């Protein structure tokens, strides 16, 4: 797991899947590709084996943690809610793994980049809650994608986000020249759930037109950025995505330098 000088090692969270009757630990290629190509880092896939994966010895060998998206939803018991969608896909082994990983990574000052389900995992791990059916809430958009559409259409621009002035996200995108004068970016949208109550240690960075929080950072501690959309898809052909992974890589390299 040792990297060459200046090349950070990034842990990537996996899902627990069964196909057809064998269990697997799976990560989509797009996350691995984004870590290697857009962040210039070395990926290490972290199996969904529960809280044991939050071992300080393992985390001390990483320079950053990427929390991936997934088709499954977090079990609502983790944020004290009744299950409004008992038929929805669950991944309880991933829940047990990632929620513990987030807390341990924060304690160890490990940079975190969280995407879609990972975005929601950070919020829940740090004390926030989720809306389980955004499309059913009055005044909210339907943020889900068409599963039957081609991938390019599913992951194409879906709606604008308004970035908060003076925020971490706005600053890093302006620094890289990819934020327009109106302070907006276009993002894809492939999620059915979303932020309800934001965790106390998190700060909203951007909202959709309907008020749904779609990006946050941490108010203290190590570098942390969470986004509800999917910047990993075709990352090298998207300037916003490249800027996000570059910022993550910079934080990981700084962490690597601190460790010596």
C-alpha atoms as a PDB file:
ATOM      1  CA  UNK A   1       0.000   0.000   0.000  1.00  0.00           C
ATOM      2  CA  UNK A   2       3.043   2.261   0.105  1.00  0.00           C
ATOM      3  CA  UNK A   3       2.993   4.904  -2.635  1.00  0.00           C
ATOM      4  CA  UNK A   4       5.750   6.713  -4.441  1.00  0.00           C
ATOM      5  CA  UNK A   5       6.568  10.209  -3.179  1.00  0.00           C
ATOM      6  CA  UNK A   6       3.745  12.630  -3.859  1.00  0.00           C
ATOM      7  CA  UNK A   7       1.231   9.970  -4.928  1.00  0.00           C
ATOM      8  CA  UNK A   8      -1.537   9.726  -2.320  1.00  0.00           C
ATOM      9  CA  UNK A   9      -3.291   6.471  -1.457  1.00  0.00           C
ATOM     10  CA  UNK A  10      -7.088   6.738  -1.462  1.00  0.00           C
ATOM     11  CA  UNK A  11      -9.401   4.228   0.187  1.00  0.00           C
ATOM     12  CA  UNK A  12     -12.601   3.629  -1.817  1.00  0.00           C
ATOM     13  CA  UNK A  13     -15.659   2.193  -0.076  1.00  0.00           C
ATOM     14  CA  UNK A  14     -17.257  -0.908  -1.580  1.00  0.00           C
ATOM     15  CA  UNK A  15     -20.802  -2.246  -1.605  1.00  0.00           C
ATOM     16  CA  UNK A  16     -21.752  -5.740  -0.456  1.00  0.00           C
ATOM     17  CA  UNK A  17     -23.590  -7.562  -3.254  1.00  0.00           C
ATOM     18  CA  UNK A  18     -24.784 -11.092  -3.951  1.00  0.00           C
ATOM     19  CA  UNK A  19     -24.643 -12.494  -7.507  1.00  0.00           C
ATOM     20  CA  UNK A  20     -26.164 -14.918  -8.282  1.00  0.00           C
ATOM     21  CA  UNK A  21     -25.743 -16.521  -4.869  1.00  0.00           C
ATOM     22  CA  UNK A  22     -22.153 -15.552  -4.015  1.00  0.00           C
ATOM     23  CA  UNK A  23     -21.297 -12.459  -1.943  1.00  0.00           C
ATOM     24  CA  UNK A  24     -19.032  -9.833  -3.502  1.00  0.00           C
ATOM     25  CA  UNK A  25     -17.436  -6.547  -2.485  1.00  0.00           C
ATOM     26  CA  UNK A  26     -17.970  -4.272  -5.467  1.00  0.00           C
ATOM     27  CA  UNK A  27     -16.875  -0.827  -6.660  1.00  0.00           C
ATOM     28  CA  UNK A  28     -17.850   0.635 -10.011  1.00  0.00           C
ATOM     29  CA  UNK A  29     -14.996   1.346 -12.404  1.00  0.00           C
ATOM     30  CA  UNK A  30     -15.895   5.042 -12.670  1.00  0.00           C
ATOM     31  CA  UNK A  31     -14.773   5.672  -9.063  1.00  0.00           C
ATOM     32  CA  UNK A  32     -11.475   3.865  -9.535  1.00  0.00           C
ATOM     33  CA  UNK A  33     -10.883   5.714 -12.808  1.00  0.00           C
ATOM     34  CA  UNK A  34     -11.635   9.110 -11.237  1.00  0.00           C
ATOM     35  CA  UNK A  35      -9.214   8.474  -8.368  1.00  0.00           C
ATOM     36  CA  UNK A  36      -6.440   7.395 -10.732  1.00  0.00           C
ATOM     37  CA  UNK A  37      -7.008   9.809 -13.614  1.00  0.00           C
ATOM     38  CA  UNK A  38      -8.622  12.935 -12.113  1.00  0.00           C
ATOM     39  CA  UNK A  39      -6.960  12.788  -8.682  1.00  0.00           C
ATOM     40  CA  UNK A  40      -3.683  11.172  -9.775  1.00  0.00           C
ATOM     41  CA  UNK A  41      -3.839   8.850  -6.775  1.00  0.00           C
ATOM     42  CA  UNK A  42      -3.573   5.139  -6.024  1.00  0.00           C
ATOM     43  CA  UNK A  43      -6.905   3.453  -5.207  1.00  0.00           C
ATOM     44  CA  UNK A  44      -7.377   0.826  -2.487  1.00  0.00           C
ATOM     45  CA  UNK A  45     -10.807  -0.826  -2.348  1.00  0.00           C
ATOM     46  CA  UNK A  46     -12.158  -1.193   1.191  1.00  0.00           C
ATOM     47  CA  UNK A  47     -14.485  -4.206   1.592  1.00  0.00           C
ATOM     48  CA  UNK A  48     -17.794  -3.806   3.400  1.00  0.00           C
ATOM     49  CA  UNK A  49     -16.829  -5.889   6.418  1.00  0.00           C
ATOM     50  CA  UNK A  50     -18.293  -3.698   9.134  1.00  0.00           C
ATOM     51  CA  UNK A  51     -16.733  -1.538  11.838  1.00  0.00           C
ATOM     52  CA  UNK A  52     -13.513  -3.577  11.761  1.00  0.00           C
ATOM     53  CA  UNK A  53     -12.598  -1.635   8.602  1.00  0.00           C
ATOM     54  CA  UNK A  54     -12.295   1.519  10.712  1.00  0.00           C
ATOM     55  CA  UNK A  55      -9.099   0.136  12.250  1.00  0.00           C
ATOM     56  CA  UNK A  56      -6.623   2.980  12.915  1.00  0.00           C
ATOM     57  CA  UNK A  57      -3.751   0.892  11.506  1.00  0.00           C
ATOM     58  CA  UNK A  58      -5.516   0.673   8.133  1.00  0.00           C
ATOM     59  CA  UNK A  59      -6.581   4.317   8.103  1.00  0.00           C
ATOM     60  CA  UNK A  60      -3.081   5.466   9.022  1.00  0.00           C
ATOM     61  CA  UNK A  61      -1.874   3.991   5.726  1.00  0.00           C
ATOM     62  CA  UNK A  62      -4.393   5.997   3.696  1.00  0.00           C
ATOM     63  CA  UNK A  63      -4.111   9.626   2.640  1.00  0.00           C
ATOM     64  CA  UNK A  64      -7.795  10.103   1.807  1.00  0.00           C
ATOM     65  CA  UNK A  65     -11.181   8.373   1.852  1.00  0.00           C
ATOM     66  CA  UNK A  66     -13.645   8.341  -1.060  1.00  0.00           C
ATOM     67  CA  UNK A  67     -17.217   7.396  -0.135  1.00  0.00           C
ATOM     68  CA  UNK A  68     -18.971   6.151  -3.253  1.00  0.00           C
ATOM     69  CA  UNK A  69     -22.533   6.217  -4.489  1.00  0.00           C
ATOM     70  CA  UNK A  70     -24.726   3.107  -4.647  1.00  0.00           C
ATOM     71  CA  UNK A  71     -28.179   1.863  -5.590  1.00  0.00           C
ATOM     72  CA  UNK A  72     -28.948   0.989  -1.972  1.00  0.00           C
ATOM     73  CA  UNK A  73     -30.207   3.383   0.715  1.00  0.00           C
ATOM     74  CA  UNK A  74     -29.045   3.753   4.309  1.00  0.00           C
ATOM     75  CA  UNK A  75     -31.206   1.862   6.794  1.00  0.00           C
ATOM     76  CA  UNK A  76     -33.313   4.631   8.449  1.00  0.00           C
ATOM     77  CA  UNK A  77     -32.771   3.155  11.899  1.00  0.00           C
ATOM     78  CA  UNK A  78     -29.318   4.763  11.782  1.00  0.00           C
ATOM     79  CA  UNK A  79     -30.933   8.198  11.985  1.00  0.00           C
ATOM     80  CA  UNK A  80     -33.860   7.244  14.206  1.00  0.00           C
ATOM     81  CA  UNK A  81     -36.588   7.178  11.539  1.00  0.00           C
ATOM     82  CA  UNK A  82     -39.312   4.726  10.599  1.00  0.00           C
ATOM     83  CA  UNK A  83     -38.800   2.924   7.313  1.00  0.00           C
ATOM     84  CA  UNK A  84     -40.969   4.633   4.681  1.00  0.00           C
ATOM     85  CA  UNK A  85     -39.712   2.399   1.874  1.00  0.00           C
ATOM     86  CA  UNK A  86     -39.297  -1.156   3.207  1.00  0.00           C
ATOM     87  CA  UNK A  87     -39.019  -2.432  -0.368  1.00  0.00           C
ATOM     88  CA  UNK A  88     -36.012  -0.206  -1.126  1.00  0.00           C
ATOM     89  CA  UNK A  89     -32.619  -1.901  -1.566  1.00  0.00           C
ATOM     90  CA  UNK A  90     -30.487  -2.024   1.576  1.00  0.00           C
ATOM     91  CA  UNK A  91     -26.832  -2.767   2.204  1.00  0.00           C
ATOM     92  CA  UNK A  92     -26.515  -3.193   5.938  1.00  0.00           C
ATOM     93  CA  UNK A  93     -22.919  -4.402   5.750  1.00  0.00           C
ATOM     94  CA  UNK A  94     -22.007  -1.207   3.937  1.00  0.00           C
ATOM     95  CA  UNK A  95     -23.904   0.844   6.541  1.00  0.00           C
ATOM     96  CA  UNK A  96     -21.940  -0.805   9.348  1.00  0.00           C
ATOM     97  CA  UNK A  97     -18.694  -0.152   7.476  1.00  0.00           C
ATOM     98  CA  UNK A  98     -19.058   3.378   6.196  1.00  0.00           C
ATOM     99  CA  UNK A  99     -20.676   4.986   9.232  1.00  0.00           C
ATOM    100  CA  UNK A 100     -17.814   3.717  11.385  1.00  0.00           C
ATOM    101  CA  UNK A 101     -15.265   4.728   8.733  1.00  0.00           C
ATOM    102  CA  UNK A 102     -16.538   8.311   8.590  1.00  0.00           C
ATOM    103  CA  UNK A 103     -16.275   8.782  12.355  1.00  0.00           C
ATOM    104  CA  UNK A 104     -12.841   7.179  12.562  1.00  0.00           C
ATOM    105  CA  UNK A 105     -11.542   9.135   9.554  1.00  0.00           C
ATOM    106  CA  UNK A 106     -12.695  12.389  11.107  1.00  0.00           C
ATOM    107  CA  UNK A 107     -10.951  11.502  14.370  1.00  0.00           C
ATOM    108  CA  UNK A 108      -7.752  10.765  12.446  1.00  0.00           C
ATOM    109  CA  UNK A 109      -8.000  13.945  10.332  1.00  0.00           C
ATOM    110  CA  UNK A 110      -8.211  11.991   7.073  1.00  0.00           C
ATOM    111  CA  UNK A 111      -9.514  13.991   4.073  1.00  0.00           C
ATOM    112  CA  UNK A 112     -12.924  12.768   2.895  1.00  0.00           C
ATOM    113  CA  UNK A 113     -14.668  13.182  -0.456  1.00  0.00           C
ATOM    114  CA  UNK A 114     -18.238  11.855  -0.300  1.00  0.00           C
ATOM    115  CA  UNK A 115     -20.481  11.220  -3.321  1.00  0.00           C
ATOM    116  CA  UNK A 116     -24.256  10.536  -3.440  1.00  0.00           C
ATOM    117  CA  UNK A 117     -24.844   7.694  -0.939  1.00  0.00           C
ATOM    118  CA  UNK A 118     -21.501   8.610   0.583  1.00  0.00           C
ATOM    119  CA  UNK A 119     -22.751  12.200   0.959  1.00  0.00           C
ATOM    120  CA  UNK A 120     -25.750  10.892   2.867  1.00  0.00           C
ATOM    121  CA  UNK A 121     -23.568   8.543   4.929  1.00  0.00           C
ATOM    122  CA  UNK A 122     -21.430  11.423   6.186  1.00  0.00           C
ATOM    123  CA  UNK A 123     -24.511  13.368   7.242  1.00  0.00           C
ATOM    124  CA  UNK A 124     -25.984  10.382   9.099  1.00  0.00           C
ATOM    125  CA  UNK A 125     -22.658   9.353  10.678  1.00  0.00           C
ATOM    126  CA  UNK A 126     -22.214  12.863  12.106  1.00  0.00           C
ATOM    127  CA  UNK A 127     -25.753  13.185  13.478  1.00  0.00           C
ATOM    128  CA  UNK A 128     -27.932  14.373  10.583  1.00  0.00           C
ATOM    129  CA  UNK A 129     -31.106  12.892   9.085  1.00  0.00           C
ATOM    130  CA  UNK A 130     -32.495  12.181   5.613  1.00  0.00           C
ATOM    131  CA  UNK A 131     -35.688  12.592   3.627  1.00  0.00           C
ATOM    132  CA  UNK A 132     -36.471   9.124   2.327  1.00  0.00           C
ATOM    133  CA  UNK A 133     -38.737  10.210  -0.558  1.00  0.00           C
ATOM    134  CA  UNK A 134     -37.792  13.664  -1.836  1.00  0.00           C
ATOM    135  CA  UNK A 135     -40.203  13.451  -4.785  1.00  0.00           C
ATOM    136  CA  UNK A 136     -43.125  13.026  -2.396  1.00  0.00           C
ATOM    137  CA  UNK A 137     -42.428  16.271  -0.521  1.00  0.00           C
ATOM    138  CA  UNK A 138     -44.431  19.343  -1.460  1.00  0.00           C
ATOM    139  CA  UNK A 139     -42.356  21.822  -3.438  1.00  0.00           C
ATOM    140  CA  UNK A 140     -39.495  19.399  -4.129  1.00  0.00           C
ATOM    141  CA  UNK A 141     -38.348  18.207  -7.541  1.00  0.00           C
ATOM    142  CA  UNK A 142     -38.064  14.588  -8.541  1.00  0.00           C
ATOM    143  CA  UNK A 143     -34.308  14.096  -8.354  1.00  0.00           C
ATOM    144  CA  UNK A 144     -34.391  10.518  -9.628  1.00  0.00           C
ATOM    145  CA  UNK A 145     -33.061   9.472 -13.014  1.00  0.00           C
ATOM    146  CA  UNK A 146     -34.616   7.227 -15.652  1.00  0.00           C
ATOM    147  CA  UNK A 147     -33.011   3.822 -15.163  1.00  0.00           C
ATOM    148  CA  UNK A 148     -34.013   2.826 -18.693  1.00  0.00           C
ATOM    149  CA  UNK A 149     -32.227   5.771 -20.317  1.00  0.00           C
ATOM    150  CA  UNK A 150     -28.742   5.537 -21.787  1.00  0.00           C
ATOM    151  CA  UNK A 151     -25.925   6.214 -19.310  1.00  0.00           C
ATOM    152  CA  UNK A 152     -25.000   9.494 -21.019  1.00  0.00           C
ATOM    153  CA  UNK A 153     -28.568  10.701 -20.532  1.00  0.00           C
ATOM    154  CA  UNK A 154     -28.825   9.474 -16.929  1.00  0.00           C
ATOM    155  CA  UNK A 155     -25.604  11.257 -16.022  1.00  0.00           C
ATOM    156  CA  UNK A 156     -26.189  14.321 -18.177  1.00  0.00           C
ATOM    157  CA  UNK A 157     -26.817  17.830 -16.738  1.00  0.00           C
ATOM    158  CA  UNK A 158     -30.167  17.805 -14.922  1.00  0.00           C
ATOM    159  CA  UNK A 159     -30.472  21.043 -12.936  1.00  0.00           C
ATOM    160  CA  UNK A 160     -28.459  24.019 -11.699  1.00  0.00           C
ATOM    161  CA  UNK A 161     -27.000  24.400  -8.212  1.00  0.00           C
ATOM    162  CA  UNK A 162     -26.626  27.725  -6.474  1.00  0.00           C
ATOM    163  CA  UNK A 163     -23.361  27.843  -4.539  1.00  0.00           C
ATOM    164  CA  UNK A 164     -23.196  29.742  -1.294  1.00  0.00           C
ATOM    165  CA  UNK A 165     -21.068  32.853  -1.522  1.00  0.00           C
ATOM    166  CA  UNK A 166     -17.899  32.605   0.540  1.00  0.00           C
ATOM    167  CA  UNK A 167     -18.138  28.823   0.830  1.00  0.00           C
ATOM    168  CA  UNK A 168     -15.391  26.249   0.359  1.00  0.00           C
ATOM    169  CA  UNK A 169     -16.944  24.860  -2.828  1.00  0.00           C
ATOM    170  CA  UNK A 170     -17.421  28.256  -4.452  1.00  0.00           C
ATOM    171  CA  UNK A 171     -13.855  29.228  -3.580  1.00  0.00           C
ATOM    172  CA  UNK A 172     -12.219  26.127  -5.036  1.00  0.00           C
ATOM    173  CA  UNK A 173     -14.274  26.309  -8.250  1.00  0.00           C
ATOM    174  CA  UNK A 174     -13.567  30.026  -8.682  1.00  0.00           C
ATOM    175  CA  UNK A 175      -9.874  29.393  -8.078  1.00  0.00           C
ATOM    176  CA  UNK A 176      -9.936  26.936 -10.985  1.00  0.00           C
ATOM    177  CA  UNK A 177     -12.030  29.210 -13.191  1.00  0.00           C
ATOM    178  CA  UNK A 178     -15.057  26.930 -13.555  1.00  0.00           C
ATOM    179  CA  UNK A 179     -17.740  28.905 -11.686  1.00  0.00           C
ATOM    180  CA  UNK A 180     -19.871  31.381 -13.640  1.00  0.00           C
ATOM    181  CA  UNK A 181     -20.617  34.932 -12.488  1.00  0.00           C
ATOM    182  CA  UNK A 182     -24.004  33.870 -11.164  1.00  0.00           C
ATOM    183  CA  UNK A 183     -22.383  31.375  -8.792  1.00  0.00           C
ATOM    184  CA  UNK A 184     -24.100  28.373 -10.383  1.00  0.00           C
ATOM    185  CA  UNK A 185     -23.055  25.026 -11.835  1.00  0.00           C
ATOM    186  CA  UNK A 186     -25.034  22.352 -13.682  1.00  0.00           C
ATOM    187  CA  UNK A 187     -25.066  18.862 -12.159  1.00  0.00           C
ATOM    188  CA  UNK A 188     -26.554  15.452 -12.842  1.00  0.00           C
ATOM    189  CA  UNK A 189     -29.229  14.006 -10.566  1.00  0.00           C
ATOM    190  CA  UNK A 190     -29.648  10.323  -9.692  1.00  0.00           C
ATOM    191  CA  UNK A 191     -30.948  10.217  -6.134  1.00  0.00           C
ATOM    192  CA  UNK A 192     -34.294   9.597  -4.452  1.00  0.00           C
ATOM    193  CA  UNK A 193     -33.261  10.582  -0.930  1.00  0.00           C
ATOM    194  CA  UNK A 194     -31.666  13.749   0.382  1.00  0.00           C
ATOM    195  CA  UNK A 195     -30.657  15.835   3.374  1.00  0.00           C
ATOM    196  CA  UNK A 196     -33.363  16.598   5.933  1.00  0.00           C
ATOM    197  CA  UNK A 197     -31.461  17.898   8.977  1.00  0.00           C
ATOM    198  CA  UNK A 198     -27.837  18.736   8.323  1.00  0.00           C
ATOM    199  CA  UNK A 199     -25.380  17.360  10.899  1.00  0.00           C
ATOM    200  CA  UNK A 200     -24.175  20.026  13.374  1.00  0.00           C
ATOM    201  CA  UNK A 201     -20.542  19.873  12.235  1.00  0.00           C
ATOM    202  CA  UNK A 202     -21.420  20.323   8.546  1.00  0.00           C
ATOM    203  CA  UNK A 203     -22.018  23.513   6.546  1.00  0.00           C
ATOM    204  CA  UNK A 204     -24.237  23.719   3.459  1.00  0.00           C
ATOM    205  CA  UNK A 205     -22.277  24.686   0.334  1.00  0.00           C
ATOM    206  CA  UNK A 206     -24.920  24.498  -2.420  1.00  0.00           C
ATOM    207  CA  UNK A 207     -28.638  23.958  -2.940  1.00  0.00           C
ATOM    208  CA  UNK A 208     -30.831  22.901  -5.837  1.00  0.00           C
ATOM    209  CA  UNK A 209     -33.668  25.149  -7.018  1.00  0.00           C
ATOM    210  CA  UNK A 210     -36.085  23.423  -4.627  1.00  0.00           C
ATOM    211  CA  UNK A 211     -33.869  24.059  -1.592  1.00  0.00           C
ATOM    212  CA  UNK A 212     -32.400  20.558  -1.371  1.00  0.00           C
ATOM    213  CA  UNK A 213     -28.864  20.707   0.045  1.00  0.00           C
ATOM    214  CA  UNK A 214     -26.550  19.120  -2.526  1.00  0.00           C
ATOM    215  CA  UNK A 215     -23.100  19.949  -1.196  1.00  0.00           C
ATOM    216  CA  UNK A 216     -21.549  20.435   2.231  1.00  0.00           C
ATOM    217  CA  UNK A 217     -18.195  20.879   3.904  1.00  0.00           C
ATOM    218  CA  UNK A 218     -17.047  20.481   7.506  1.00  0.00           C
ATOM    219  CA  UNK A 219     -16.986  23.418   9.905  1.00  0.00           C
ATOM    220  CA  UNK A 220     -13.735  22.214  11.451  1.00  0.00           C
ATOM    221  CA  UNK A 221     -11.142  19.471  11.343  1.00  0.00           C
ATOM    222  CA  UNK A 222      -9.675  17.866   8.230  1.00  0.00           C
ATOM    223  CA  UNK A 223     -10.737  18.571   4.638  1.00  0.00           C
ATOM    224  CA  UNK A 224     -14.189  17.198   3.893  1.00  0.00           C
ATOM    225  CA  UNK A 225     -16.435  17.791   0.909  1.00  0.00           C
ATOM    226  CA  UNK A 226     -19.685  15.990   0.154  1.00  0.00           C
ATOM    227  CA  UNK A 227     -21.742  16.249  -3.041  1.00  0.00           C
ATOM    228  CA  UNK A 228     -25.108  14.709  -3.869  1.00  0.00           C
ATOM    229  CA  UNK A 229     -24.411  14.429  -7.602  1.00  0.00           C
ATOM    230  CA  UNK A 230     -21.922  12.190  -9.457  1.00  0.00           C
ATOM    231  CA  UNK A 231     -18.715  14.024 -10.439  1.00  0.00           C
ATOM    232  CA  UNK A 232     -16.911  10.710 -10.956  1.00  0.00           C
ATOM    233  CA  UNK A 233     -18.821   9.973 -14.175  1.00  0.00           C
ATOM    234  CA  UNK A 234     -16.654  10.865 -17.179  1.00  0.00           C
ATOM    235  CA  UNK A 235     -14.646  13.023 -14.778  1.00  0.00           C
ATOM    236  CA  UNK A 236     -11.832  13.888 -17.158  1.00  0.00           C
ATOM    237  CA  UNK A 237     -14.298  15.538 -19.555  1.00  0.00           C
ATOM    238  CA  UNK A 238     -15.960  17.731 -16.938  1.00  0.00           C
ATOM    239  CA  UNK A 239     -14.157  20.814 -15.607  1.00  0.00           C
ATOM    240  CA  UNK A 240     -16.117  20.910 -12.342  1.00  0.00           C
ATOM    241  CA  UNK A 241     -15.385  17.231 -11.708  1.00  0.00           C
ATOM    242  CA  UNK A 242     -11.689  17.700 -12.419  1.00  0.00           C
ATOM    243  CA  UNK A 243     -11.585  20.652 -10.013  1.00  0.00           C
ATOM    244  CA  UNK A 244     -13.237  18.631  -7.237  1.00  0.00           C
ATOM    245  CA  UNK A 245     -10.901  15.654  -7.588  1.00  0.00           C
ATOM    246  CA  UNK A 246      -7.890  17.961  -7.850  1.00  0.00           C
ATOM    247  CA  UNK A 247      -8.859  19.627  -4.564  1.00  0.00           C
ATOM    248  CA  UNK A 248      -9.315  16.212  -2.934  1.00  0.00           C
ATOM    249  CA  UNK A 249      -5.917  15.116  -4.223  1.00  0.00           C
ATOM    250  CA  UNK A 250      -4.286  18.272  -2.856  1.00  0.00           C
ATOM    251  CA  UNK A 251      -5.768  17.591   0.579  1.00  0.00           C
ATOM    252  CA  UNK A 252      -4.595  13.974   0.419  1.00  0.00           C
ATOM    253  CA  UNK A 253      -1.064  15.026  -0.560  1.00  0.00           C
ATOM    254  CA  UNK A 254      -0.998  17.487   2.330  1.00  0.00           C
ATOM    255  CA  UNK A 255      -2.062  14.684   4.668  1.00  0.00           C
ATOM    256  CA  UNK A 256       0.657  12.467   3.215  1.00  0.00           C
ATOM    257  CA  UNK A 257       3.256  15.161   3.831  1.00  0.00           C
ATOM    258  CA  UNK A 258       2.125  15.557   7.448  1.00  0.00           C
ATOM    259  CA  UNK A 259       2.649  11.830   8.025  1.00  0.00           C
ATOM    260  CA  UNK A 260       6.138  12.079   6.551  1.00  0.00           C
END
